[in-house]
């Protein structure tokens, strides 16, 4: 069963989107995901600054 995630505080850094959501235990989690075609980058982080740093330094391989 897939988790339904309601994203909030969504920001774009180039092709990468950073958002905040609650995980299944109710904790705040942050995600960075690239929206470029053929780029499979996405990662979850414990704090917002790590997700934003990852978004700013991401380079698509395609």
Protein backbone atom coordinates (compact mmCIF):
# COMPACT_ATOMS: atom_id res chain seq x y z
CA UNK A 1 0.00 0.00 0.00
CA UNK A 2 1.41 3.36 -0.95
CA UNK A 3 1.53 6.21 1.52
CA UNK A 4 -0.56 9.28 0.81
CA UNK A 5 1.63 12.29 1.42
CA UNK A 6 0.36 15.82 1.65
CA UNK A 7 3.21 18.13 0.76
CA UNK A 8 3.52 21.63 2.16
CA UNK A 9 6.08 24.41 1.92
CA UNK A 10 6.97 23.46 -1.65
CA UNK A 11 9.83 25.37 -3.31
CA UNK A 12 11.69 24.96 -6.60
CA UNK A 13 15.46 25.23 -7.02
CA UNK A 14 15.98 24.90 -10.76
CA UNK A 15 14.60 21.51 -11.79
CA UNK A 16 14.56 20.22 -8.18
CA UNK A 17 11.49 20.53 -5.97
CA UNK A 18 11.86 20.58 -2.18
CA UNK A 19 8.84 19.91 0.05
CA UNK A 20 7.92 19.08 3.64
CA UNK A 21 5.53 16.31 4.71
CA UNK A 22 4.60 14.16 7.71
CA UNK A 23 5.79 10.56 7.68
CA UNK A 24 3.73 7.63 9.00
CA UNK A 25 4.84 8.37 12.56
CA UNK A 26 3.84 12.04 12.40
CA UNK A 27 7.36 13.45 12.16
CA UNK A 28 8.29 16.24 9.77
CA UNK A 29 10.35 14.96 6.84
CA UNK A 30 11.77 16.84 3.87
CA UNK A 31 12.17 15.59 0.33
CA UNK A 32 14.15 16.79 -2.68
CA UNK A 33 13.14 15.41 -6.08
CA UNK A 34 14.32 16.33 -9.58
CA UNK A 35 11.57 16.90 -12.15
CA UNK A 36 13.78 16.74 -15.24
CA UNK A 37 13.05 13.97 -17.76
CA UNK A 38 15.13 10.78 -17.28
CA UNK A 39 16.54 11.98 -13.97
CA UNK A 40 15.66 9.64 -11.12
CA UNK A 41 17.01 11.75 -8.26
CA UNK A 42 14.96 11.92 -5.07
CA UNK A 43 15.95 11.77 -1.41
CA UNK A 44 14.42 12.21 2.05
CA UNK A 45 16.10 14.25 4.77
CA UNK A 46 15.58 14.94 8.48
CA UNK A 47 16.04 18.71 8.15
CA UNK A 48 15.07 21.30 5.57
CA UNK A 49 18.56 22.77 5.14
CA UNK A 50 19.97 19.41 4.00
CA UNK A 51 17.21 19.05 1.40
CA UNK A 52 17.80 22.58 0.09
CA UNK A 53 21.56 22.05 -0.08
CA UNK A 54 21.01 18.86 -2.03
CA UNK A 55 18.69 20.69 -4.42
CA UNK A 56 21.15 23.52 -5.02
CA UNK A 57 24.09 21.20 -5.71
CA UNK A 58 22.25 18.61 -7.84
CA UNK A 59 23.43 18.15 -11.44
CA UNK A 60 21.31 16.03 -13.75
CA UNK A 61 23.29 13.30 -15.51
CA UNK A 62 21.09 13.51 -18.61
